[in-house]
């Protein structure tokens, strides 16, 4: 009987379920909902903060800028004679040539030429700056390495919000840009637009980033009329010349009638008596200290050659005003009468 009773009790034993077990799923769902709600609140706050910063940044970029305008000169054409200057000025180089018979007078005149150029340099220097291109790379040890390269820059405009500088096209694809003004102060800058055809770029520095002492010393370069430039006139080159940064050279114009036909454009070239190389970059000034050319990498193979400023002013104006440049890729050529007749002079009648 005892055995049967024990067997009976074993098979009739009831296992009671924990009353909380039924609510575990519900509790888990409530916990998940609470966590989701908390994450949602944090995400909402973060979103509002980001939107707030974004709107502030948008307001900053939308500060109205004054549109930049440069005075444009009318192209005189091949048959139009270049006008004489209203005020005849003495040419130190011509004075040197006229006194070659007397060594003492020649030395005095040459010193006058150097003094004259030095005086022009002093007037130009507040407009000049050094534009530094900074590339950031990571070495195998995950350290950040900065590669820096300097290019000449010149202040060409002020839109009341930014100072705009003309510099080299190579500044385009970099991580950071810095501008060092003539007084040695360095500030952050950013690219506005770049033009591969002319190998030029425009960068901007915001007013608020420029120290007051620097603002009181810098000045915007005056642009001259390169159409009025004649052969044998004194010209001064400033920039990275002969492998030297912030270098100065001077000479005379040996040709002002050459033309470069490039994509959708025709640009006059100024050939000088100064030795040149393809890595030369910088700017050309006349004897009045006015900007008359941007030194061309592509054409400065034997002597320093610059694009005449009058031909590229409209391009610079569009770039400073952030107006996109469209290209069709058409390169034109001048056609003389003989070539025209070969193609069918019946159409010229």
C-alpha atoms as a PDB file:
ATOM      1  CA  UNK A   1       0.000   0.000   0.000  1.00  0.00           C
ATOM      2  CA  UNK A   2       2.779   2.378   0.786  1.00  0.00           C
ATOM      3  CA  UNK A   3       4.382   1.830  -2.586  1.00  0.00           C
ATOM      4  CA  UNK A   4       1.101   2.462  -4.395  1.00  0.00           C
ATOM      5  CA  UNK A   5       0.458   5.570  -2.384  1.00  0.00           C
ATOM      6  CA  UNK A   6       3.897   6.969  -3.092  1.00  0.00           C
ATOM      7  CA  UNK A   7       3.464   6.252  -6.817  1.00  0.00           C
ATOM      8  CA  UNK A   8       0.072   7.903  -6.775  1.00  0.00           C
ATOM      9  CA  UNK A   9       1.387  11.023  -5.045  1.00  0.00           C
ATOM     10  CA  UNK A  10       4.217  11.304  -7.555  1.00  0.00           C
ATOM     11  CA  UNK A  11       1.978  11.306 -10.594  1.00  0.00           C
ATOM     12  CA  UNK A  12      -0.682  13.584  -9.095  1.00  0.00           C
ATOM     13  CA  UNK A  13       1.758  16.355  -7.888  1.00  0.00           C
ATOM     14  CA  UNK A  14       0.881  19.799  -9.278  1.00  0.00           C
ATOM     15  CA  UNK A  15       3.531  22.428 -10.184  1.00  0.00           C
ATOM     16  CA  UNK A  16       2.287  25.944  -9.509  1.00  0.00           C
ATOM     17  CA  UNK A  17       3.341  28.715 -11.952  1.00  0.00           C
ATOM     18  CA  UNK A  18       4.918  31.869 -10.532  1.00  0.00           C
ATOM     19  CA  UNK A  19       2.230  34.563 -10.689  1.00  0.00           C
ATOM     20  CA  UNK A  20       4.764  37.144 -11.972  1.00  0.00           C
ATOM     21  CA  UNK A  21       5.741  34.978 -14.921  1.00  0.00           C
ATOM     22  CA  UNK A  22       2.572  35.972 -16.751  1.00  0.00           C
ATOM     23  CA  UNK A  23       3.514  39.650 -16.503  1.00  0.00           C
ATOM     24  CA  UNK A  24       7.156  39.330 -17.619  1.00  0.00           C
ATOM     25  CA  UNK A  25       6.358  39.980 -21.268  1.00  0.00           C
ATOM     26  CA  UNK A  26       4.259  42.996 -20.338  1.00  0.00           C
ATOM     27  CA  UNK A  27       7.022  44.354 -18.100  1.00  0.00           C
ATOM     28  CA  UNK A  28       9.585  43.918 -20.880  1.00  0.00           C
ATOM     29  CA  UNK A  29       7.351  45.786 -23.320  1.00  0.00           C
ATOM     30  CA  UNK A  30       6.887  48.619 -20.827  1.00  0.00           C
ATOM     31  CA  UNK A  31      10.643  48.855 -20.287  1.00  0.00           C
ATOM     32  CA  UNK A  32      11.234  48.910 -24.055  1.00  0.00           C
ATOM     33  CA  UNK A  33       8.622  51.649 -24.482  1.00  0.00           C
ATOM     34  CA  UNK A  34      10.217  53.737 -21.710  1.00  0.00           C
ATOM     35  CA  UNK A  35      13.676  53.412 -23.264  1.00  0.00           C
ATOM     36  CA  UNK A  36      12.279  54.286 -26.693  1.00  0.00           C
ATOM     37  CA  UNK A  37      10.539  57.339 -25.296  1.00  0.00           C
ATOM     38  CA  UNK A  38      13.754  58.471 -23.579  1.00  0.00           C
ATOM     39  CA  UNK A  39      15.790  58.027 -26.773  1.00  0.00           C
ATOM     40  CA  UNK A  40      13.103  59.897 -28.713  1.00  0.00           C
ATOM     41  CA  UNK A  41      13.259  62.847 -26.316  1.00  0.00           C
ATOM     42  CA  UNK A  42      17.068  62.994 -26.554  1.00  0.00           C
ATOM     43  CA  UNK A  43      16.894  62.777 -30.364  1.00  0.00           C
ATOM     44  CA  UNK A  44      14.315  65.586 -30.455  1.00  0.00           C
ATOM     45  CA  UNK A  45      16.455  67.857 -28.285  1.00  0.00           C
ATOM     46  CA  UNK A  46      19.521  67.095 -30.407  1.00  0.00           C
ATOM     47  CA  UNK A  47      17.570  67.833 -33.572  1.00  0.00           C
ATOM     48  CA  UNK A  48      16.441  71.208 -32.227  1.00  0.00           C
ATOM     49  CA  UNK A  49      19.991  72.118 -31.249  1.00  0.00           C
ATOM     50  CA  UNK A  50      21.344  71.157 -34.684  1.00  0.00           C
ATOM     51  CA  UNK A  51      18.588  73.112 -36.434  1.00  0.00           C
ATOM     52  CA  UNK A  52      19.382  76.103 -34.259  1.00  0.00           C
ATOM     53  CA  UNK A  53      23.070  76.009 -35.179  1.00  0.00           C
ATOM     54  CA  UNK A  54      22.186  75.417 -38.814  1.00  0.00           C
ATOM     55  CA  UNK A  55      19.924  78.452 -38.925  1.00  0.00           C
ATOM     56  CA  UNK A  56      22.645  80.579 -37.314  1.00  0.00           C
ATOM     57  CA  UNK A  57      25.159  79.356 -39.905  1.00  0.00           C
ATOM     58  CA  UNK A  58      22.681  80.067 -42.686  1.00  0.00           C
ATOM     59  CA  UNK A  59      22.165  83.581 -41.416  1.00  0.00           C
ATOM     60  CA  UNK A  60      25.923  84.067 -41.353  1.00  0.00           C
ATOM     61  CA  UNK A  61      26.370  82.954 -44.967  1.00  0.00           C
ATOM     62  CA  UNK A  62      23.464  85.066 -46.124  1.00  0.00           C
ATOM     63  CA  UNK A  63      24.876  88.377 -44.946  1.00  0.00           C
ATOM     64  CA  UNK A  64      24.373  90.670 -47.941  1.00  0.00           C
ATOM     65  CA  UNK A  65      27.567  91.433 -49.792  1.00  0.00           C
ATOM     66  CA  UNK A  66      28.049  94.431 -52.026  1.00  0.00           C
ATOM     67  CA  UNK A  67      28.513  93.415 -55.646  1.00  0.00           C
ATOM     68  CA  UNK A  68      32.005  94.072 -56.949  1.00  0.00           C
ATOM     69  CA  UNK A  69      32.473  96.111 -60.122  1.00  0.00           C
ATOM     70  CA  UNK A  70      35.715  96.748 -61.987  1.00  0.00           C
ATOM     71  CA  UNK A  71      36.135  99.499 -64.551  1.00  0.00           C
ATOM     72  CA  UNK A  72      36.206  97.888 -67.984  1.00  0.00           C
ATOM     73  CA  UNK A  73      38.249  99.217 -70.902  1.00  0.00           C
ATOM     74  CA  UNK A  74      37.189  98.976 -74.507  1.00  0.00           C
ATOM     75  CA  UNK A  75      39.463  96.825 -76.623  1.00  0.00           C
ATOM     76  CA  UNK A  76      41.216  99.215 -79.043  1.00  0.00           C
ATOM     77  CA  UNK A  77      41.481  96.725 -81.916  1.00  0.00           C
ATOM     78  CA  UNK A  78      44.447  96.025 -84.154  1.00  0.00           C
ATOM     79  CA  UNK A  79      44.063  99.101 -86.349  1.00  0.00           C
ATOM     80  CA  UNK A  80      43.495 101.547 -83.495  1.00  0.00           C
ATOM     81  CA  UNK A  81      46.626 103.288 -82.293  1.00  0.00           C
ATOM     82  CA  UNK A  82      47.331 103.206 -78.582  1.00  0.00           C
ATOM     83  CA  UNK A  83      46.704 106.649 -77.092  1.00  0.00           C
ATOM     84  CA  UNK A  84      49.595 108.603 -75.653  1.00  0.00           C
ATOM     85  CA  UNK A  85      49.515 109.225 -71.930  1.00  0.00           C
ATOM     86  CA  UNK A  86      48.038 112.570 -70.909  1.00  0.00           C
ATOM     87  CA  UNK A  87      50.946 113.358 -68.628  1.00  0.00           C
ATOM     88  CA  UNK A  88      54.390 112.570 -69.981  1.00  0.00           C
ATOM     89  CA  UNK A  89      56.518 110.958 -67.316  1.00  0.00           C
ATOM     90  CA  UNK A  90      60.254 110.430 -67.321  1.00  0.00           C
ATOM     91  CA  UNK A  91      61.354 106.861 -67.992  1.00  0.00           C
ATOM     92  CA  UNK A  92      64.322 105.955 -65.753  1.00  0.00           C
ATOM     93  CA  UNK A  93      65.450 103.247 -68.200  1.00  0.00           C
ATOM     94  CA  UNK A  94      65.567 105.706 -71.096  1.00  0.00           C
ATOM     95  CA  UNK A  95      67.550 108.100 -68.934  1.00  0.00           C
ATOM     96  CA  UNK A  96      70.016 105.287 -68.325  1.00  0.00           C
ATOM     97  CA  UNK A  97      70.450 104.683 -72.061  1.00  0.00           C
ATOM     98  CA  UNK A  98      70.998 108.371 -72.811  1.00  0.00           C
ATOM     99  CA  UNK A  99      73.871 108.656 -70.316  1.00  0.00           C
ATOM    100  CA  UNK A 100      75.880 105.566 -71.164  1.00  0.00           C
ATOM    101  CA  UNK A 101      78.827 107.675 -72.400  1.00  0.00           C
ATOM    102  CA  UNK A 102      79.508 109.018 -68.945  1.00  0.00           C
ATOM    103  CA  UNK A 103      80.119 106.270 -66.354  1.00  0.00           C
ATOM    104  CA  UNK A 104      79.480 108.579 -63.395  1.00  0.00           C
ATOM    105  CA  UNK A 105      76.177 109.825 -64.790  1.00  0.00           C
ATOM    106  CA  UNK A 106      75.186 106.250 -65.704  1.00  0.00           C
ATOM    107  CA  UNK A 107      75.753 105.053 -62.149  1.00  0.00           C
ATOM    108  CA  UNK A 108      73.692 107.920 -60.763  1.00  0.00           C
ATOM    109  CA  UNK A 109      70.860 107.198 -63.200  1.00  0.00           C
ATOM    110  CA  UNK A 110      70.883 103.477 -62.420  1.00  0.00           C
ATOM    111  CA  UNK A 111      70.616 104.251 -58.732  1.00  0.00           C
ATOM    112  CA  UNK A 112      67.628 106.432 -59.586  1.00  0.00           C
ATOM    113  CA  UNK A 113      65.975 103.501 -61.377  1.00  0.00           C
ATOM    114  CA  UNK A 114      66.396 101.239 -58.356  1.00  0.00           C
ATOM    115  CA  UNK A 115      65.133 103.950 -56.039  1.00  0.00           C
ATOM    116  CA  UNK A 116      62.158 104.457 -58.337  1.00  0.00           C
ATOM    117  CA  UNK A 117      61.314 100.742 -58.305  1.00  0.00           C
ATOM    118  CA  UNK A 118      61.811 100.601 -54.545  1.00  0.00           C
ATOM    119  CA  UNK A 119      59.326 103.431 -54.092  1.00  0.00           C
ATOM    120  CA  UNK A 120      56.748 101.624 -56.234  1.00  0.00           C
ATOM    121  CA  UNK A 121      57.293  98.462 -54.185  1.00  0.00           C
ATOM    122  CA  UNK A 122      56.493 100.332 -50.997  1.00  0.00           C
ATOM    123  CA  UNK A 123      53.208 101.477 -52.506  1.00  0.00           C
ATOM    124  CA  UNK A 124      52.342  97.978 -53.747  1.00  0.00           C
ATOM    125  CA  UNK A 125      53.348  95.991 -50.627  1.00  0.00           C
ATOM    126  CA  UNK A 126      50.174  96.697 -48.543  1.00  0.00           C
ATOM    127  CA  UNK A 127      48.158  95.059 -51.334  1.00  0.00           C
ATOM    128  CA  UNK A 128      50.289  91.916 -51.422  1.00  0.00           C
ATOM    129  CA  UNK A 129      49.800  88.808 -49.293  1.00  0.00           C
ATOM    130  CA  UNK A 130      50.950  85.208 -49.056  1.00  0.00           C
ATOM    131  CA  UNK A 131      48.288  82.551 -49.603  1.00  0.00           C
ATOM    132  CA  UNK A 132      49.167  79.234 -47.972  1.00  0.00           C
ATOM    133  CA  UNK A 133      47.674  75.957 -49.174  1.00  0.00           C
ATOM    134  CA  UNK A 134      47.516  73.320 -46.429  1.00  0.00           C
ATOM    135  CA  UNK A 135      47.126  69.601 -47.150  1.00  0.00           C
ATOM    136  CA  UNK A 136      46.451  67.227 -44.251  1.00  0.00           C
ATOM    137  CA  UNK A 137      47.714  63.649 -44.493  1.00  0.00           C
ATOM    138  CA  UNK A 138      47.877  60.762 -42.036  1.00  0.00           C
ATOM    139  CA  UNK A 139      51.111  58.847 -41.657  1.00  0.00           C
ATOM    140  CA  UNK A 140      51.219  55.110 -40.805  1.00  0.00           C
ATOM    141  CA  UNK A 141      51.271  55.963 -37.078  1.00  0.00           C
ATOM    142  CA  UNK A 142      47.996  57.902 -37.445  1.00  0.00           C
ATOM    143  CA  UNK A 143      49.655  61.243 -36.797  1.00  0.00           C
ATOM    144  CA  UNK A 144      48.366  64.205 -38.784  1.00  0.00           C
ATOM    145  CA  UNK A 145      50.987  65.694 -41.088  1.00  0.00           C
ATOM    146  CA  UNK A 146      50.453  69.062 -42.762  1.00  0.00           C
ATOM    147  CA  UNK A 147      52.047  69.912 -46.090  1.00  0.00           C
ATOM    148  CA  UNK A 148      52.134  73.637 -46.802  1.00  0.00           C
ATOM    149  CA  UNK A 149      52.790  75.530 -50.029  1.00  0.00           C
ATOM    150  CA  UNK A 150      52.854  79.298 -50.423  1.00  0.00           C
ATOM    151  CA  UNK A 151      51.527  81.306 -53.362  1.00  0.00           C
ATOM    152  CA  UNK A 152      51.487  85.047 -53.989  1.00  0.00           C
ATOM    153  CA  UNK A 153      48.171  86.826 -53.496  1.00  0.00           C
ATOM    154  CA  UNK A 154      46.924  90.355 -54.067  1.00  0.00           C
ATOM    155  CA  UNK A 155      43.903  92.188 -52.674  1.00  0.00           C
ATOM    156  CA  UNK A 156      41.605  93.086 -55.548  1.00  0.00           C
ATOM    157  CA  UNK A 157      38.232  93.844 -53.926  1.00  0.00           C
ATOM    158  CA  UNK A 158      36.262  94.457 -50.737  1.00  0.00           C
ATOM    159  CA  UNK A 159      32.534  93.611 -50.686  1.00  0.00           C
ATOM    160  CA  UNK A 160      32.073  95.046 -47.165  1.00  0.00           C
ATOM    161  CA  UNK A 161      31.909  91.529 -45.748  1.00  0.00           C
ATOM    162  CA  UNK A 162      35.091  89.966 -47.133  1.00  0.00           C
ATOM    163  CA  UNK A 163      38.435  90.929 -48.568  1.00  0.00           C
ATOM    164  CA  UNK A 164      38.944  89.157 -51.885  1.00  0.00           C
ATOM    165  CA  UNK A 165      42.370  88.123 -53.131  1.00  0.00           C
ATOM    166  CA  UNK A 166      43.604  86.931 -56.506  1.00  0.00           C
ATOM    167  CA  UNK A 167      45.991  83.988 -56.307  1.00  0.00           C
ATOM    168  CA  UNK A 168      47.108  80.806 -58.090  1.00  0.00           C
ATOM    169  CA  UNK A 169      44.757  78.047 -59.280  1.00  0.00           C
ATOM    170  CA  UNK A 170      46.754  75.461 -57.308  1.00  0.00           C
ATOM    171  CA  UNK A 171      44.989  76.683 -54.166  1.00  0.00           C
ATOM    172  CA  UNK A 172      41.800  74.945 -55.325  1.00  0.00           C
ATOM    173  CA  UNK A 173      42.108  71.378 -54.008  1.00  0.00           C
ATOM    174  CA  UNK A 174      43.398  71.847 -50.460  1.00  0.00           C
ATOM    175  CA  UNK A 175      42.119  71.158 -46.949  1.00  0.00           C
ATOM    176  CA  UNK A 176      42.734  74.601 -45.465  1.00  0.00           C
ATOM    177  CA  UNK A 177      43.768  78.039 -46.690  1.00  0.00           C
ATOM    178  CA  UNK A 178      45.568  80.764 -44.773  1.00  0.00           C
ATOM    179  CA  UNK A 179      46.426  84.315 -45.790  1.00  0.00           C
ATOM    180  CA  UNK A 180      49.387  86.184 -44.348  1.00  0.00           C
ATOM    181  CA  UNK A 181      49.222  89.933 -44.900  1.00  0.00           C
ATOM    182  CA  UNK A 182      52.148  92.288 -45.388  1.00  0.00           C
ATOM    183  CA  UNK A 183      52.314  93.071 -41.636  1.00  0.00           C
ATOM    184  CA  UNK A 184      52.786  89.374 -40.804  1.00  0.00           C
ATOM    185  CA  UNK A 185      49.317  88.647 -39.401  1.00  0.00           C
ATOM    186  CA  UNK A 186      47.845  85.334 -40.558  1.00  0.00           C
ATOM    187  CA  UNK A 187      44.114  84.577 -40.806  1.00  0.00           C
ATOM    188  CA  UNK A 188      41.937  81.778 -42.162  1.00  0.00           C
ATOM    189  CA  UNK A 189      40.595  82.063 -45.707  1.00  0.00           C
ATOM    190  CA  UNK A 190      38.396  80.059 -48.061  1.00  0.00           C
ATOM    191  CA  UNK A 191      38.091  79.485 -51.782  1.00  0.00           C
ATOM    192  CA  UNK A 192      35.508  81.534 -53.685  1.00  0.00           C
ATOM    193  CA  UNK A 193      36.070  80.393 -57.282  1.00  0.00           C
ATOM    194  CA  UNK A 194      38.869  79.067 -59.468  1.00  0.00           C
ATOM    195  CA  UNK A 195      39.537  79.214 -63.212  1.00  0.00           C
ATOM    196  CA  UNK A 196      41.749  76.542 -64.737  1.00  0.00           C
ATOM    197  CA  UNK A 197      42.020  78.286 -68.115  1.00  0.00           C
ATOM    198  CA  UNK A 198      43.805  81.295 -66.636  1.00  0.00           C
ATOM    199  CA  UNK A 199      45.370  79.357 -63.729  1.00  0.00           C
ATOM    200  CA  UNK A 200      43.878  81.788 -61.233  1.00  0.00           C
ATOM    201  CA  UNK A 201      41.689  81.577 -58.145  1.00  0.00           C
ATOM    202  CA  UNK A 202      39.909  84.014 -55.849  1.00  0.00           C
ATOM    203  CA  UNK A 203      39.968  83.469 -52.087  1.00  0.00           C
ATOM    204  CA  UNK A 204      38.169  85.435 -49.384  1.00  0.00           C
ATOM    205  CA  UNK A 205      38.967  86.556 -45.858  1.00  0.00           C
ATOM    206  CA  UNK A 206      36.112  87.706 -43.638  1.00  0.00           C
ATOM    207  CA  UNK A 207      36.387  91.181 -42.135  1.00  0.00           C
ATOM    208  CA  UNK A 208      35.755  89.909 -38.632  1.00  0.00           C
ATOM    209  CA  UNK A 209      38.833  87.664 -38.851  1.00  0.00           C
ATOM    210  CA  UNK A 210      41.210  90.485 -39.758  1.00  0.00           C
ATOM    211  CA  UNK A 211      42.801  92.366 -36.821  1.00  0.00           C
ATOM    212  CA  UNK A 212      42.118  96.100 -36.702  1.00  0.00           C
ATOM    213  CA  UNK A 213      45.814  96.918 -36.974  1.00  0.00           C
ATOM    214  CA  UNK A 214      46.010  94.899 -40.193  1.00  0.00           C
ATOM    215  CA  UNK A 215      42.869  96.508 -41.625  1.00  0.00           C
ATOM    216  CA  UNK A 216      44.401  99.915 -41.108  1.00  0.00           C
ATOM    217  CA  UNK A 217      47.481  98.970 -43.147  1.00  0.00           C
ATOM    218  CA  UNK A 218      46.199  96.915 -46.067  1.00  0.00           C
ATOM    219  CA  UNK A 219      44.798  98.412 -49.246  1.00  0.00           C
ATOM    220  CA  UNK A 220      43.071  97.227 -52.391  1.00  0.00           C
ATOM    221  CA  UNK A 221      45.279  97.129 -55.487  1.00  0.00           C
ATOM    222  CA  UNK A 222      44.393  99.520 -58.292  1.00  0.00           C
ATOM    223  CA  UNK A 223      43.924  97.916 -61.687  1.00  0.00           C
ATOM    224  CA  UNK A 224      45.409  99.636 -64.702  1.00  0.00           C
ATOM    225  CA  UNK A 225      44.621  99.568 -68.403  1.00  0.00           C
ATOM    226  CA  UNK A 226      46.790  96.942 -70.058  1.00  0.00           C
ATOM    227  CA  UNK A 227      45.476  98.021 -73.486  1.00  0.00           C
ATOM    228  CA  UNK A 228      47.409 101.287 -73.033  1.00  0.00           C
ATOM    229  CA  UNK A 229      50.691  99.525 -72.321  1.00  0.00           C
ATOM    230  CA  UNK A 230      53.402 100.158 -74.912  1.00  0.00           C
ATOM    231  CA  UNK A 231      56.665  98.465 -75.789  1.00  0.00           C
ATOM    232  CA  UNK A 232      59.741  99.398 -73.730  1.00  0.00           C
ATOM    233  CA  UNK A 233      57.700 100.596 -70.762  1.00  0.00           C
ATOM    234  CA  UNK A 234      58.925  99.847 -67.260  1.00  0.00           C
ATOM    235  CA  UNK A 235      57.145  96.917 -65.605  1.00  0.00           C
ATOM    236  CA  UNK A 236      57.616  95.313 -62.194  1.00  0.00           C
ATOM    237  CA  UNK A 237      56.965  91.656 -61.327  1.00  0.00           C
ATOM    238  CA  UNK A 238      56.197  90.538 -57.781  1.00  0.00           C
ATOM    239  CA  UNK A 239      55.542  86.985 -56.622  1.00  0.00           C
ATOM    240  CA  UNK A 240      57.286  83.614 -56.623  1.00  0.00           C
ATOM    241  CA  UNK A 241      59.991  84.251 -59.212  1.00  0.00           C
ATOM    242  CA  UNK A 242      63.140  82.307 -60.132  1.00  0.00           C
ATOM    243  CA  UNK A 243      62.390  79.774 -57.389  1.00  0.00           C
ATOM    244  CA  UNK A 244      62.258  82.481 -54.710  1.00  0.00           C
ATOM    245  CA  UNK A 245      59.118  83.338 -52.753  1.00  0.00           C
ATOM    246  CA  UNK A 246      58.014  86.973 -52.418  1.00  0.00           C
ATOM    247  CA  UNK A 247      60.601  88.042 -55.006  1.00  0.00           C
ATOM    248  CA  UNK A 248      60.720  91.262 -57.046  1.00  0.00           C
ATOM    249  CA  UNK A 249      62.084  91.859 -60.536  1.00  0.00           C
ATOM    250  CA  UNK A 250      61.746  94.623 -63.078  1.00  0.00           C
ATOM    251  CA  UNK A 251      62.333  95.141 -66.780  1.00  0.00           C
ATOM    252  CA  UNK A 252      60.575  96.423 -69.862  1.00  0.00           C
ATOM    253  CA  UNK A 253      57.768  95.211 -72.093  1.00  0.00           C
ATOM    254  CA  UNK A 254      59.090  93.668 -75.294  1.00  0.00           C
ATOM    255  CA  UNK A 255      55.682  92.841 -76.805  1.00  0.00           C
ATOM    256  CA  UNK A 256      52.101  93.771 -76.018  1.00  0.00           C
ATOM    257  CA  UNK A 257      50.389  92.536 -79.160  1.00  0.00           C
ATOM    258  CA  UNK A 258      50.516  88.771 -78.703  1.00  0.00           C
ATOM    259  CA  UNK A 259      47.236  86.983 -78.106  1.00  0.00           C
ATOM    260  CA  UNK A 260      46.374  83.614 -76.546  1.00  0.00           C
ATOM    261  CA  UNK A 261      43.296  81.856 -77.921  1.00  0.00           C
ATOM    262  CA  UNK A 262      41.883  79.608 -75.236  1.00  0.00           C
ATOM    263  CA  UNK A 263      38.569  77.955 -74.453  1.00  0.00           C
ATOM    264  CA  UNK A 264      35.803  80.460 -75.272  1.00  0.00           C
ATOM    265  CA  UNK A 265      38.201  83.354 -74.787  1.00  0.00           C
ATOM    266  CA  UNK A 266      40.861  85.572 -76.280  1.00  0.00           C
ATOM    267  CA  UNK A 267      43.460  86.994 -73.931  1.00  0.00           C
ATOM    268  CA  UNK A 268      46.184  89.500 -74.631  1.00  0.00           C
ATOM    269  CA  UNK A 269      49.692  88.631 -73.455  1.00  0.00           C
ATOM    270  CA  UNK A 270      52.391  90.948 -72.123  1.00  0.00           C
ATOM    271  CA  UNK A 271      55.917  89.730 -72.852  1.00  0.00           C
ATOM    272  CA  UNK A 272      58.689  91.220 -70.719  1.00  0.00           C
ATOM    273  CA  UNK A 273      62.478  91.334 -70.766  1.00  0.00           C
ATOM    274  CA  UNK A 274      62.629  89.499 -67.417  1.00  0.00           C
ATOM    275  CA  UNK A 275      63.778  85.888 -67.397  1.00  0.00           C
ATOM    276  CA  UNK A 276      60.943  83.483 -66.745  1.00  0.00           C
ATOM    277  CA  UNK A 277      60.197  79.865 -65.963  1.00  0.00           C
ATOM    278  CA  UNK A 278      57.053  77.772 -65.943  1.00  0.00           C
ATOM    279  CA  UNK A 279      56.865  77.760 -62.149  1.00  0.00           C
ATOM    280  CA  UNK A 280      56.764  81.568 -61.931  1.00  0.00           C
ATOM    281  CA  UNK A 281      53.587  82.932 -60.369  1.00  0.00           C
ATOM    282  CA  UNK A 282      52.685  86.463 -59.418  1.00  0.00           C
ATOM    283  CA  UNK A 283      51.592  89.794 -60.798  1.00  0.00           C
ATOM    284  CA  UNK A 284      52.779  92.521 -63.137  1.00  0.00           C
ATOM    285  CA  UNK A 285      52.631  96.245 -62.361  1.00  0.00           C
ATOM    286  CA  UNK A 286      53.259  99.352 -64.438  1.00  0.00           C
ATOM    287  CA  UNK A 287      55.423 102.316 -63.493  1.00  0.00           C
ATOM    288  CA  UNK A 288      52.494 103.855 -61.622  1.00  0.00           C
ATOM    289  CA  UNK A 289      52.168 100.804 -59.367  1.00  0.00           C
ATOM    290  CA  UNK A 290      48.902  99.673 -60.959  1.00  0.00           C
ATOM    291  CA  UNK A 291      48.117  95.997 -61.520  1.00  0.00           C
ATOM    292  CA  UNK A 292      48.303  95.324 -65.261  1.00  0.00           C
ATOM    293  CA  UNK A 293      48.812  91.576 -65.510  1.00  0.00           C
ATOM    294  CA  UNK A 294      48.650  88.127 -63.940  1.00  0.00           C
ATOM    295  CA  UNK A 295      51.775  86.090 -64.656  1.00  0.00           C
ATOM    296  CA  UNK A 296      50.975  82.974 -66.681  1.00  0.00           C
ATOM    297  CA  UNK A 297      52.516  79.600 -65.868  1.00  0.00           C
ATOM    298  CA  UNK A 298      51.747  78.257 -69.333  1.00  0.00           C
ATOM    299  CA  UNK A 299      53.391  81.060 -71.310  1.00  0.00           C
ATOM    300  CA  UNK A 300      56.327  82.049 -69.057  1.00  0.00           C
ATOM    301  CA  UNK A 301      58.815  79.566 -70.496  1.00  0.00           C
ATOM    302  CA  UNK A 302      61.634  81.893 -71.572  1.00  0.00           C
ATOM    303  CA  UNK A 303      60.599  85.286 -70.243  1.00  0.00           C
ATOM    304  CA  UNK A 304      57.986  86.428 -67.752  1.00  0.00           C
ATOM    305  CA  UNK A 305      54.677  86.615 -69.613  1.00  0.00           C
ATOM    306  CA  UNK A 306      51.427  87.862 -68.118  1.00  0.00           C
ATOM    307  CA  UNK A 307      47.780  87.975 -69.111  1.00  0.00           C
ATOM    308  CA  UNK A 308      46.779  91.598 -69.633  1.00  0.00           C
ATOM    309  CA  UNK A 309      44.479  92.628 -66.799  1.00  0.00           C
ATOM    310  CA  UNK A 310      42.024  94.429 -69.091  1.00  0.00           C
ATOM    311  CA  UNK A 311      41.188  91.162 -70.857  1.00  0.00           C
ATOM    312  CA  UNK A 312      40.505  89.230 -67.655  1.00  0.00           C
ATOM    313  CA  UNK A 313      38.715  91.892 -65.593  1.00  0.00           C
ATOM    314  CA  UNK A 314      35.276  90.618 -66.527  1.00  0.00           C
ATOM    315  CA  UNK A 315      36.321  87.107 -65.476  1.00  0.00           C
ATOM    316  CA  UNK A 316      37.640  88.416 -62.162  1.00  0.00           C
ATOM    317  CA  UNK A 317      34.473  90.419 -61.582  1.00  0.00           C
ATOM    318  CA  UNK A 318      32.312  87.336 -62.087  1.00  0.00           C
ATOM    319  CA  UNK A 319      34.528  85.245 -59.833  1.00  0.00           C
ATOM    320  CA  UNK A 320      34.492  87.758 -56.970  1.00  0.00           C
ATOM    321  CA  UNK A 321      30.690  87.929 -57.238  1.00  0.00           C
ATOM    322  CA  UNK A 322      30.413  84.123 -57.214  1.00  0.00           C
ATOM    323  CA  UNK A 323      28.924  83.972 -60.687  1.00  0.00           C
ATOM    324  CA  UNK A 324      29.561  80.591 -62.323  1.00  0.00           C
ATOM    325  CA  UNK A 325      31.706  80.421 -65.428  1.00  0.00           C
ATOM    326  CA  UNK A 326      30.315  78.409 -68.315  1.00  0.00           C
ATOM    327  CA  UNK A 327      32.446  76.931 -71.065  1.00  0.00           C
ATOM    328  CA  UNK A 328      31.571  75.531 -74.466  1.00  0.00           C
ATOM    329  CA  UNK A 329      35.167  74.529 -75.115  1.00  0.00           C
ATOM    330  CA  UNK A 330      35.455  76.453 -78.401  1.00  0.00           C
ATOM    331  CA  UNK A 331      38.943  77.749 -79.233  1.00  0.00           C
ATOM    332  CA  UNK A 332      38.920  80.438 -81.912  1.00  0.00           C
ATOM    333  CA  UNK A 333      41.648  81.481 -84.354  1.00  0.00           C
ATOM    334  CA  UNK A 334      42.220  84.568 -86.417  1.00  0.00           C
ATOM    335  CA  UNK A 335      41.711  83.992 -90.139  1.00  0.00           C
ATOM    336  CA  UNK A 336      43.601  86.102 -92.662  1.00  0.00           C
ATOM    337  CA  UNK A 337      42.393  86.775 -96.192  1.00  0.00           C
ATOM    338  CA  UNK A 338      44.519  84.027 -97.722  1.00  0.00           C
ATOM    339  CA  UNK A 339      43.180  81.353 -95.392  1.00  0.00           C
ATOM    340  CA  UNK A 340      39.643  82.625 -95.822  1.00  0.00           C
ATOM    341  CA  UNK A 341      39.923  82.303 -99.628  1.00  0.00           C
ATOM    342  CA  UNK A 342      41.154  78.756 -99.295  1.00  0.00           C
ATOM    343  CA  UNK A 343      37.969  77.888 -97.463  1.00  0.00           C
ATOM    344  CA  UNK A 344      35.852  79.614-100.087  1.00  0.00           C
ATOM    345  CA  UNK A 345      36.281  83.348-100.701  1.00  0.00           C
ATOM    346  CA  UNK A 346      33.032  83.402-102.670  1.00  0.00           C
ATOM    347  CA  UNK A 347      31.310  83.917 -99.340  1.00  0.00           C
ATOM    348  CA  UNK A 348      33.389  87.052 -98.696  1.00  0.00           C
ATOM    349  CA  UNK A 349      32.072  88.922-101.731  1.00  0.00           C
END
